[in-house]
Amino acid sequence: MPHNASRYLAESPRVGIRHFTYEDGAEFTARARESKDLHQPWLFPPDGGDAYTAYASRLIEDPTKAGFLVCEKDGEQGDGAIAGFININNIVEGGFRCGALGYGAFAHSAGRGLMREGLDLVVGYAFGPMRLHRLEINAQPVNTASIALARSCGFRLEGFSPKMIYIDGDWRDHERWAITAEMRA
């Protein structure tokens, strides 16, 4: 489903980032269904219409969240095809100015460096227009692709949190990765 490039909040040579819309539901859920083997057991993005509407609603309407779609520019799947998503959750303003990142690539774009470009754009946008100071990523230690993406974008390992997040029926251990605006500069 092509999207107008002028809707991008930021662009790199191969991708642009933009906010979620309710109209993205059909493409997003189709790509989530195609990507189950890639995502599970770490991630369970919505793969049906009602679930997408509820998910997108939180990202669109809740001021403590910001959702970004990573879209291919002139890609194999068509101009504007959704390659993945990056969400900033638990946004705290004031003296803290921090948020927690979550992300996922879709199967057709995995391993092509598109999410690396997209995450770099989201970090720049968070430290620029959003005026955040710190971003955190919590990744399960066995999710080597997620950790590699965090590392490649300049995040540093800060610690280990046992049984931190309830995922797929159990409390999962996570590594804590972070970056600050000073590190980015």
C-alpha atoms as a PDB file:
ATOM      1  CA  MET A   1       0.000   0.000   0.000  1.00  0.00           C
ATOM      2  CA  PRO A   2       1.955   3.012  -1.222  1.00  0.00           C
ATOM      3  CA  HIS A   3       2.245   6.081   0.942  1.00  0.00           C
ATOM      4  CA  ASN A   4       3.251   9.610  -0.028  1.00  0.00           C
ATOM      5  CA  ALA A   5       6.909  10.283   0.815  1.00  0.00           C
ATOM      6  CA  SER A   6       6.016  13.797   1.977  1.00  0.00           C
ATOM      7  CA  ARG A   7       4.431  12.167   5.028  1.00  0.00           C
ATOM      8  CA  TYR A   8       7.854  11.057   6.338  1.00  0.00           C
ATOM      9  CA  LEU A   9       9.088  12.635   9.553  1.00  0.00           C
ATOM     10  CA  ALA A  10      12.689  11.782   8.610  1.00  0.00           C
ATOM     11  CA  GLU A  11      14.363   9.946   5.719  1.00  0.00           C
ATOM     12  CA  SER A  12      17.546   8.067   4.903  1.00  0.00           C
ATOM     13  CA  PRO A  13      18.554   6.793   1.459  1.00  0.00           C
ATOM     14  CA  ARG A  14      16.363   3.666   1.671  1.00  0.00           C
ATOM     15  CA  VAL A  15      13.687   4.310   4.309  1.00  0.00           C
ATOM     16  CA  GLY A  16      11.448   6.951   5.797  1.00  0.00           C
ATOM     17  CA  ILE A  17       9.688   6.963   9.148  1.00  0.00           C
ATOM     18  CA  ARG A  18       6.149   8.109   9.774  1.00  0.00           C
ATOM     19  CA  HIS A  19       3.513   7.741  12.441  1.00  0.00           C
ATOM     20  CA  PHE A  20       0.982   4.898  12.501  1.00  0.00           C
ATOM     21  CA  THR A  21      -2.461   5.538  11.037  1.00  0.00           C
ATOM     22  CA  TYR A  22      -5.629   3.488  11.326  1.00  0.00           C
ATOM     23  CA  GLU A  23      -5.505   3.041   7.531  1.00  0.00           C
ATOM     24  CA  ASP A  24      -2.269   1.009   7.868  1.00  0.00           C
ATOM     25  CA  GLY A  25      -4.144  -1.872   9.496  1.00  0.00           C
ATOM     26  CA  ALA A  26      -4.541  -4.178   6.487  1.00  0.00           C
ATOM     27  CA  GLU A  27      -0.901  -3.946   5.420  1.00  0.00           C
ATOM     28  CA  PHE A  28       0.481  -4.099   8.966  1.00  0.00           C
ATOM     29  CA  THR A  29      -1.543  -7.144   9.985  1.00  0.00           C
ATOM     30  CA  ALA A  30      -0.784  -8.996   6.729  1.00  0.00           C
ATOM     31  CA  ARG A  31       2.939  -8.416   7.281  1.00  0.00           C
ATOM     32  CA  ALA A  32       2.633  -9.471  10.942  1.00  0.00           C
ATOM     33  CA  ARG A  33       0.996 -12.753   9.890  1.00  0.00           C
ATOM     34  CA  GLU A  34       3.769 -13.340   7.305  1.00  0.00           C
ATOM     35  CA  SER A  35       6.407 -12.692   9.973  1.00  0.00           C
ATOM     36  CA  LYS A  36       5.270 -14.905  12.869  1.00  0.00           C
ATOM     37  CA  ASP A  37       8.264 -17.237  12.546  1.00  0.00           C
ATOM     38  CA  LEU A  38      10.615 -14.261  12.694  1.00  0.00           C
ATOM     39  CA  HIS A  39       8.914 -12.579  15.672  1.00  0.00           C
ATOM     40  CA  GLN A  40       8.027 -15.381  18.035  1.00  0.00           C
ATOM     41  CA  PRO A  41       8.794 -16.052  20.858  1.00  0.00           C
ATOM     42  CA  TRP A  42       9.933 -12.449  21.423  1.00  0.00           C
ATOM     43  CA  LEU A  43       7.248 -10.346  19.851  1.00  0.00           C
ATOM     44  CA  PHE A  44       3.519 -10.619  19.136  1.00  0.00           C
ATOM     45  CA  PRO A  45       2.401  -7.702  16.960  1.00  0.00           C
ATOM     46  CA  PRO A  46      -1.314  -7.501  16.159  1.00  0.00           C
ATOM     47  CA  ASP A  47      -2.294  -9.707  13.227  1.00  0.00           C
ATOM     48  CA  GLY A  48      -6.022  -8.939  12.973  1.00  0.00           C
ATOM     49  CA  GLY A  49      -8.127  -5.847  12.372  1.00  0.00           C
ATOM     50  CA  ASP A  50      -9.569  -5.326  15.861  1.00  0.00           C
ATOM     51  CA  ALA A  51      -6.233  -6.000  17.542  1.00  0.00           C
ATOM     52  CA  TYR A  52      -4.501  -3.543  15.192  1.00  0.00           C
ATOM     53  CA  THR A  53      -7.097  -0.841  15.880  1.00  0.00           C
ATOM     54  CA  ALA A  54      -6.596  -1.191  19.641  1.00  0.00           C
ATOM     55  CA  TYR A  55      -2.785  -1.232  19.238  1.00  0.00           C
ATOM     56  CA  ALA A  56      -2.685   1.754  16.869  1.00  0.00           C
ATOM     57  CA  SER A  57      -5.116   3.660  19.080  1.00  0.00           C
ATOM     58  CA  ARG A  58      -2.709   3.474  22.010  1.00  0.00           C
ATOM     59  CA  LEU A  59       0.188   4.676  19.848  1.00  0.00           C
ATOM     60  CA  ILE A  60      -1.824   7.469  18.235  1.00  0.00           C
ATOM     61  CA  GLU A  61      -3.760   8.764  21.239  1.00  0.00           C
ATOM     62  CA  ASP A  62      -1.610   8.094  24.332  1.00  0.00           C
ATOM     63  CA  PRO A  63       0.906  10.922  24.918  1.00  0.00           C
ATOM     64  CA  THR A  64       3.237   8.488  26.723  1.00  0.00           C
ATOM     65  CA  LYS A  65       3.704   6.510  23.481  1.00  0.00           C
ATOM     66  CA  ALA A  66       4.877   7.267  19.952  1.00  0.00           C
ATOM     67  CA  GLY A  67       4.684   4.742  17.135  1.00  0.00           C
ATOM     68  CA  PHE A  68       6.738   4.885  13.944  1.00  0.00           C
ATOM     69  CA  LEU A  69       6.479   2.813  10.792  1.00  0.00           C
ATOM     70  CA  VAL A  70       9.706   2.195   8.891  1.00  0.00           C
ATOM     71  CA  CYS A  71       8.769   2.392   5.209  1.00  0.00           C
ATOM     72  CA  GLU A  72      10.850   1.402   2.194  1.00  0.00           C
ATOM     73  CA  LYS A  73      11.502   4.011  -0.430  1.00  0.00           C
ATOM     74  CA  ASP A  74      11.375   2.434  -3.906  1.00  0.00           C
ATOM     75  CA  GLY A  75      11.684  -1.029  -2.376  1.00  0.00           C
ATOM     76  CA  GLU A  76      11.043  -4.509  -3.720  1.00  0.00           C
ATOM     77  CA  GLN A  77       7.600  -4.519  -2.073  1.00  0.00           C
ATOM     78  CA  GLY A  78       6.693  -1.134  -3.563  1.00  0.00           C
ATOM     79  CA  ASP A  79       7.298   2.486  -2.628  1.00  0.00           C
ATOM     80  CA  GLY A  80       6.190   3.106   0.945  1.00  0.00           C
ATOM     81  CA  ALA A  81       5.888  -0.588   1.888  1.00  0.00           C
ATOM     82  CA  ILE A  82       6.069  -1.085   5.649  1.00  0.00           C
ATOM     83  CA  ALA A  83       9.390  -2.748   6.493  1.00  0.00           C
ATOM     84  CA  GLY A  84       8.959  -2.690  10.260  1.00  0.00           C
ATOM     85  CA  PHE A  85       7.914  -0.641  13.265  1.00  0.00           C
ATOM     86  CA  ILE A  86       9.562   1.143  16.177  1.00  0.00           C
ATOM     87  CA  ASN A  87       7.628   2.326  19.202  1.00  0.00           C
ATOM     88  CA  ILE A  88       8.701   4.609  22.015  1.00  0.00           C
ATOM     89  CA  ASN A  89       6.778   3.594  25.138  1.00  0.00           C
ATOM     90  CA  ASN A  90       6.706   4.918  28.687  1.00  0.00           C
ATOM     91  CA  ILE A  91       7.672   8.424  27.608  1.00  0.00           C
ATOM     92  CA  VAL A  92       8.417  10.556  30.650  1.00  0.00           C
ATOM     93  CA  GLU A  93       8.922  14.277  30.281  1.00  0.00           C
ATOM     94  CA  GLY A  94      10.253  16.843  32.765  1.00  0.00           C
ATOM     95  CA  GLY A  95      13.695  16.214  34.186  1.00  0.00           C
ATOM     96  CA  PHE A  96      13.803  12.583  33.018  1.00  0.00           C
ATOM     97  CA  ARG A  97      12.890  12.987  29.290  1.00  0.00           C
ATOM     98  CA  CYS A  98      13.215   9.276  28.556  1.00  0.00           C
ATOM     99  CA  GLY A  99      11.419   6.549  26.626  1.00  0.00           C
ATOM    100  CA  ALA A 100      11.636   2.782  26.136  1.00  0.00           C
ATOM    101  CA  LEU A 101      11.970   1.443  22.589  1.00  0.00           C
ATOM    102  CA  GLY A 102      10.359  -1.647  21.144  1.00  0.00           C
ATOM    103  CA  TYR A 103      10.703  -2.719  17.513  1.00  0.00           C
ATOM    104  CA  GLY A 104      10.222  -5.409  14.937  1.00  0.00           C
ATOM    105  CA  ALA A 105      11.177  -5.994  11.312  1.00  0.00           C
ATOM    106  CA  PHE A 106       8.820  -7.715   8.922  1.00  0.00           C
ATOM    107  CA  ALA A 107      10.062 -10.879   7.211  1.00  0.00           C
ATOM    108  CA  HIS A 108      10.436  -9.376   3.723  1.00  0.00           C
ATOM    109  CA  SER A 109      12.838  -6.741   5.082  1.00  0.00           C
ATOM    110  CA  ALA A 110      14.770  -8.743   7.694  1.00  0.00           C
ATOM    111  CA  GLY A 111      18.533  -8.785   7.327  1.00  0.00           C
ATOM    112  CA  ARG A 112      18.634  -5.941   4.786  1.00  0.00           C
ATOM    113  CA  GLY A 113      19.699  -3.111   7.119  1.00  0.00           C
ATOM    114  CA  LEU A 114      16.401  -1.259   6.776  1.00  0.00           C
ATOM    115  CA  MET A 115      15.636  -1.390  10.482  1.00  0.00           C
ATOM    116  CA  ARG A 116      19.132  -0.103  11.235  1.00  0.00           C
ATOM    117  CA  GLU A 117      18.380   2.959   9.109  1.00  0.00           C
ATOM    118  CA  GLY A 118      14.919   3.270  10.637  1.00  0.00           C
ATOM    119  CA  LEU A 119      16.154   3.030  14.232  1.00  0.00           C
ATOM    120  CA  ASP A 120      18.805   5.645  13.517  1.00  0.00           C
ATOM    121  CA  LEU A 121      16.070   7.959  12.191  1.00  0.00           C
ATOM    122  CA  VAL A 122      13.812   7.362  15.207  1.00  0.00           C
ATOM    123  CA  VAL A 123      16.668   8.041  17.635  1.00  0.00           C
ATOM    124  CA  GLY A 124      17.418  11.295  15.797  1.00  0.00           C
ATOM    125  CA  TYR A 125      13.749  12.265  15.856  1.00  0.00           C
ATOM    126  CA  ALA A 126      13.449  11.416  19.561  1.00  0.00           C
ATOM    127  CA  PHE A 127      16.475  13.531  20.463  1.00  0.00           C
ATOM    128  CA  GLY A 128      15.427  16.306  18.071  1.00  0.00           C
ATOM    129  CA  PRO A 129      11.738  17.253  17.743  1.00  0.00           C
ATOM    130  CA  MET A 130      10.604  15.082  20.664  1.00  0.00           C
ATOM    131  CA  ARG A 131      13.298  16.604  22.927  1.00  0.00           C
ATOM    132  CA  LEU A 132      14.015  13.342  24.751  1.00  0.00           C
ATOM    133  CA  HIS A 133      17.377  12.853  26.436  1.00  0.00           C
ATOM    134  CA  ARG A 134      17.575   9.089  26.898  1.00  0.00           C
ATOM    135  CA  LEU A 135      16.237   6.005  25.133  1.00  0.00           C
ATOM    136  CA  GLU A 136      16.295   2.459  26.465  1.00  0.00           C
ATOM    137  CA  ILE A 137      15.930  -0.931  24.810  1.00  0.00           C
ATOM    138  CA  ASN A 138      15.160  -4.068  26.807  1.00  0.00           C
ATOM    139  CA  ALA A 139      16.042  -7.206  24.852  1.00  0.00           C
ATOM    140  CA  GLN A 140      15.954 -10.848  25.815  1.00  0.00           C
ATOM    141  CA  PRO A 141      19.560 -12.147  25.946  1.00  0.00           C
ATOM    142  CA  VAL A 142      18.822 -14.860  23.361  1.00  0.00           C
ATOM    143  CA  ASN A 143      17.388 -12.332  20.884  1.00  0.00           C
ATOM    144  CA  THR A 144      20.708 -11.746  19.163  1.00  0.00           C
ATOM    145  CA  ALA A 145      19.197  -9.822  16.234  1.00  0.00           C
ATOM    146  CA  SER A 146      17.611  -7.255  18.557  1.00  0.00           C
ATOM    147  CA  ILE A 147      20.823  -6.844  20.545  1.00  0.00           C
ATOM    148  CA  ALA A 148      22.871  -6.485  17.348  1.00  0.00           C
ATOM    149  CA  LEU A 149      20.518  -3.734  16.153  1.00  0.00           C
ATOM    150  CA  ALA A 150      20.794  -1.860  19.454  1.00  0.00           C
ATOM    151  CA  ARG A 151      24.589  -2.152  19.421  1.00  0.00           C
ATOM    152  CA  SER A 152      24.858  -1.047  15.773  1.00  0.00           C
ATOM    153  CA  CYS A 153      22.945   2.160  16.571  1.00  0.00           C
ATOM    154  CA  GLY A 154      25.263   3.123  19.429  1.00  0.00           C
ATOM    155  CA  PHE A 155      23.314   1.830  22.424  1.00  0.00           C
ATOM    156  CA  ARG A 156      25.449   0.618  25.338  1.00  0.00           C
ATOM    157  CA  LEU A 157      24.758  -2.326  27.604  1.00  0.00           C
ATOM    158  CA  GLU A 158      23.838  -1.040  31.058  1.00  0.00           C
ATOM    159  CA  GLY A 159      22.684  -4.112  32.899  1.00  0.00           C
ATOM    160  CA  PHE A 160      20.610  -7.218  33.299  1.00  0.00           C
ATOM    161  CA  SER A 161      17.046  -7.403  34.628  1.00  0.00           C
ATOM    162  CA  PRO A 162      15.890 -10.876  35.657  1.00  0.00           C
ATOM    163  CA  LYS A 163      12.248 -11.751  34.987  1.00  0.00           C
ATOM    164  CA  MET A 164      11.529  -8.210  33.780  1.00  0.00           C
ATOM    165  CA  ILE A 165       8.705  -8.513  31.208  1.00  0.00           C
ATOM    166  CA  TYR A 166       5.855 -11.011  30.924  1.00  0.00           C
ATOM    167  CA  ILE A 167       5.985 -12.444  27.379  1.00  0.00           C
ATOM    168  CA  ASP A 168       4.435 -15.595  25.941  1.00  0.00           C
ATOM    169  CA  GLY A 169       3.299 -16.959  29.300  1.00  0.00           C
ATOM    170  CA  ASP A 170       6.427 -16.356  31.384  1.00  0.00           C
ATOM    171  CA  TRP A 171       8.503 -13.621  32.975  1.00  0.00           C
ATOM    172  CA  ARG A 172      11.563 -13.120  30.755  1.00  0.00           C
ATOM    173  CA  ASP A 173      15.058 -11.893  31.571  1.00  0.00           C
ATOM    174  CA  HIS A 174      16.222  -8.827  29.640  1.00  0.00           C
ATOM    175  CA  GLU A 175      19.410  -6.924  28.966  1.00  0.00           C
ATOM    176  CA  ARG A 176      19.111  -3.143  29.318  1.00  0.00           C
ATOM    177  CA  TRP A 177      20.638  -1.058  26.533  1.00  0.00           C
ATOM    178  CA  ALA A 178      20.570   2.751  26.439  1.00  0.00           C
ATOM    179  CA  ILE A 179      21.713   5.805  24.552  1.00  0.00           C
ATOM    180  CA  THR A 180      21.659   9.468  25.528  1.00  0.00           C
ATOM    181  CA  ALA A 181      21.630  12.603  23.418  1.00  0.00           C
ATOM    182  CA  GLU A 182      25.269  13.233  24.407  1.00  0.00           C
ATOM    183  CA  MET A 183      26.321   9.786  23.206  1.00  0.00           C
ATOM    184  CA  ARG A 184      24.605  10.422  19.891  1.00  0.00           C
ATOM    185  CA  ALA A 185      26.376  13.767  19.429  1.00  0.00           C
END
